[in-house]
């Protein structure tokens, strides 16, 4: 994913920062515990497409 794009993207729910997980191909919002999928290098920034993360999920630990 392009780092310039990652710098300007924000969580659509809380407007907070996102972290990219290259291994899982998701953008993670730690505040809302949501993981937004990245498909074909295009982030899908829809709340209904996001996966809810459990508090102990490894994606929240980075």
N, C-alpha and C. Protein backbone atom coordinates (compact mmCIF):
# COMPACT_ATOMS: atom_id res chain seq x y z
N UNK A 1 0.85 -1.18 0.00
CA UNK A 1 0.00 0.00 0.00
C UNK A 1 0.89 1.23 0.00
N UNK A 2 0.48 2.22 -0.72
CA UNK A 2 1.23 3.48 -0.83
C UNK A 2 1.27 4.19 0.52
N UNK A 3 2.45 4.54 0.97
CA UNK A 3 2.58 5.19 2.28
C UNK A 3 1.96 6.57 2.30
N UNK A 4 1.96 7.27 1.18
CA UNK A 4 1.31 8.59 1.14
C UNK A 4 -0.19 8.47 1.34
N UNK A 5 -0.78 7.43 0.76
CA UNK A 5 -2.21 7.19 0.94
C UNK A 5 -2.49 6.84 2.40
N UNK A 6 -1.66 6.01 2.98
CA UNK A 6 -1.84 5.62 4.37
C UNK A 6 -1.76 6.82 5.30
N UNK A 7 -0.93 7.80 4.97
CA UNK A 7 -0.79 9.00 5.80
C UNK A 7 -2.07 9.84 5.85
N UNK A 8 -2.86 9.80 4.78
CA UNK A 8 -4.06 10.65 4.74
C UNK A 8 -5.34 9.91 5.11
N UNK A 9 -5.30 8.58 5.14
CA UNK A 9 -6.49 7.82 5.50
C UNK A 9 -6.76 7.90 6.99
N UNK A 10 -8.04 7.91 7.34
CA UNK A 10 -8.46 7.92 8.74
C UNK A 10 -9.65 6.98 8.88
N UNK A 11 -9.87 6.52 10.08
CA UNK A 11 -11.01 5.66 10.36
C UNK A 11 -12.30 6.44 10.06
N UNK A 12 -13.21 5.87 9.28
CA UNK A 12 -14.46 6.59 8.97
C UNK A 12 -15.39 6.71 10.18
N UNK A 13 -15.17 5.93 11.21
CA UNK A 13 -16.03 5.98 12.39
C UNK A 13 -15.58 7.07 13.36
N UNK A 14 -14.29 7.01 13.75
CA UNK A 14 -13.81 7.94 14.78
C UNK A 14 -12.84 9.00 14.24
N UNK A 15 -12.48 8.89 12.99
CA UNK A 15 -11.53 9.80 12.32
C UNK A 15 -10.11 9.67 12.87
N UNK A 16 -9.85 8.56 13.58
CA UNK A 16 -8.53 8.31 14.15
C UNK A 16 -7.57 7.69 13.16
N UNK A 17 -6.32 7.52 13.57
CA UNK A 17 -5.29 6.96 12.68
C UNK A 17 -5.50 5.46 12.46
N UNK A 18 -4.98 5.01 11.33
CA UNK A 18 -5.05 3.59 10.96
C UNK A 18 -3.65 3.03 10.84
N UNK A 19 -3.50 1.75 11.14
CA UNK A 19 -2.23 1.06 10.98
C UNK A 19 -2.43 -0.04 9.96
N UNK A 20 -1.47 -0.19 9.06
CA UNK A 20 -1.56 -1.17 8.00
C UNK A 20 -0.88 -2.47 8.41
N UNK A 21 -1.59 -3.58 8.27
CA UNK A 21 -1.01 -4.90 8.47
C UNK A 21 -0.84 -5.53 7.11
N UNK A 22 0.40 -5.56 6.64
CA UNK A 22 0.69 -6.12 5.31
C UNK A 22 0.36 -7.61 5.28
N UNK A 23 0.68 -8.32 6.35
CA UNK A 23 0.45 -9.77 6.39
C UNK A 23 -1.03 -10.12 6.28
N UNK A 24 -1.88 -9.36 6.94
CA UNK A 24 -3.32 -9.64 6.95
C UNK A 24 -4.10 -8.85 5.90
N UNK A 25 -3.44 -7.88 5.26
CA UNK A 25 -4.08 -7.02 4.26
C UNK A 25 -5.31 -6.30 4.84
N UNK A 26 -5.08 -5.63 5.97
CA UNK A 26 -6.14 -4.85 6.61
C UNK A 26 -5.57 -3.55 7.15
N UNK A 27 -6.43 -2.56 7.31
CA UNK A 27 -6.12 -1.33 8.01
C UNK A 27 -6.82 -1.40 9.36
N UNK A 28 -6.06 -1.19 10.43
CA UNK A 28 -6.58 -1.39 11.77
C UNK A 28 -6.77 -0.05 12.48
N UNK A 29 -7.97 0.13 13.05
CA UNK A 29 -8.25 1.25 13.94
C UNK A 29 -8.25 0.67 15.35
N UNK A 30 -7.24 1.04 16.12
CA UNK A 30 -7.14 0.51 17.48
C UNK A 30 -8.23 1.07 18.39
N UNK A 31 -8.60 2.31 18.20
CA UNK A 31 -9.60 2.95 19.06
C UNK A 31 -10.95 2.24 18.98
N UNK A 32 -11.37 1.89 17.77
CA UNK A 32 -12.66 1.24 17.57
C UNK A 32 -12.56 -0.28 17.46
N UNK A 33 -11.32 -0.81 17.46
CA UNK A 33 -11.06 -2.24 17.30
C UNK A 33 -11.72 -2.77 16.03
N UNK A 34 -11.45 -2.07 14.91
CA UNK A 34 -11.96 -2.47 13.61
C UNK A 34 -10.81 -2.72 12.65
N UNK A 35 -10.99 -3.71 11.77
CA UNK A 35 -10.01 -4.00 10.73
C UNK A 35 -10.70 -3.87 9.38
N UNK A 36 -10.28 -2.88 8.60
CA UNK A 36 -10.86 -2.63 7.28
C UNK A 36 -10.05 -3.40 6.23
N UNK A 37 -10.72 -4.17 5.36
CA UNK A 37 -9.97 -4.96 4.38
C UNK A 37 -9.34 -4.09 3.29
N UNK A 38 -8.23 -4.59 2.77
CA UNK A 38 -7.57 -3.98 1.61
C UNK A 38 -7.62 -5.02 0.50
N UNK A 39 -8.33 -4.70 -0.57
CA UNK A 39 -8.50 -5.64 -1.68
C UNK A 39 -7.88 -5.05 -2.94
N UNK A 40 -6.95 -5.78 -3.52
CA UNK A 40 -6.25 -5.32 -4.73
C UNK A 40 -5.64 -3.94 -4.51
N UNK A 41 -5.02 -3.74 -3.35
CA UNK A 41 -4.38 -2.48 -2.96
C UNK A 41 -5.35 -1.32 -2.81
N UNK A 42 -6.64 -1.62 -2.68
CA UNK A 42 -7.66 -0.58 -2.48
C UNK A 42 -8.31 -0.80 -1.12
N UNK A 43 -8.19 0.18 -0.21
CA UNK A 43 -8.82 0.02 1.10
C UNK A 43 -10.35 0.16 1.00
N UNK A 44 -11.04 -0.75 1.64
CA UNK A 44 -12.51 -0.73 1.68
C UNK A 44 -12.88 -0.10 3.02
N UNK A 45 -13.19 1.19 2.98
CA UNK A 45 -13.39 1.98 4.20
C UNK A 45 -14.86 2.10 4.57
N UNK A 46 -15.56 0.99 4.57
CA UNK A 46 -16.97 0.97 4.95
C UNK A 46 -17.10 0.23 6.28
N UNK A 47 -17.80 0.84 7.22
CA UNK A 47 -17.95 0.23 8.54
C UNK A 47 -18.56 -1.16 8.46
N UNK A 48 -19.51 -1.35 7.56
CA UNK A 48 -20.17 -2.65 7.46
C UNK A 48 -19.25 -3.73 6.87
N UNK A 49 -18.16 -3.33 6.22
CA UNK A 49 -17.17 -4.29 5.69
C UNK A 49 -16.07 -4.60 6.69
N UNK A 50 -15.97 -3.81 7.74
CA UNK A 50 -14.90 -3.97 8.72
C UNK A 50 -15.16 -5.17 9.62
N UNK A 51 -14.06 -5.77 10.04
CA UNK A 51 -14.12 -6.88 10.98
C UNK A 51 -13.91 -6.35 12.39
N UNK A 52 -14.78 -6.73 13.32
CA UNK A 52 -14.60 -6.36 14.73
C UNK A 52 -13.50 -7.21 15.32
N UNK A 53 -12.60 -6.57 16.04
CA UNK A 53 -11.48 -7.27 16.66
C UNK A 53 -11.73 -7.44 18.15
N UNK A 54 -11.35 -8.59 18.67
CA UNK A 54 -11.42 -8.85 20.10
C UNK A 54 -10.28 -8.08 20.78
N UNK A 55 -10.45 -7.68 22.05
CA UNK A 55 -9.40 -6.91 22.74
C UNK A 55 -8.04 -7.60 22.74
N UNK A 56 -7.99 -8.93 22.74
CA UNK A 56 -6.73 -9.64 22.78
C UNK A 56 -6.19 -9.96 21.38
N UNK A 57 -6.81 -9.48 20.32
CA UNK A 57 -6.36 -9.76 18.95
C UNK A 57 -4.94 -9.26 18.74
N UNK A 58 -4.14 -10.06 18.05
CA UNK A 58 -2.74 -9.70 17.80
C UNK A 58 -2.58 -8.43 16.95
N UNK A 59 -3.58 -8.10 16.15
CA UNK A 59 -3.50 -6.89 15.33
C UNK A 59 -3.51 -5.62 16.19
N UNK A 60 -4.05 -5.71 17.38
CA UNK A 60 -4.11 -4.54 18.26
C UNK A 60 -2.83 -4.37 19.09
N UNK A 61 -1.95 -5.34 19.07
CA UNK A 61 -0.75 -5.31 19.89
C UNK A 61 0.40 -4.53 19.27
N UNK A 62 0.41 -4.37 17.99
CA UNK A 62 1.53 -3.69 17.31
C UNK A 62 1.52 -2.28 17.68
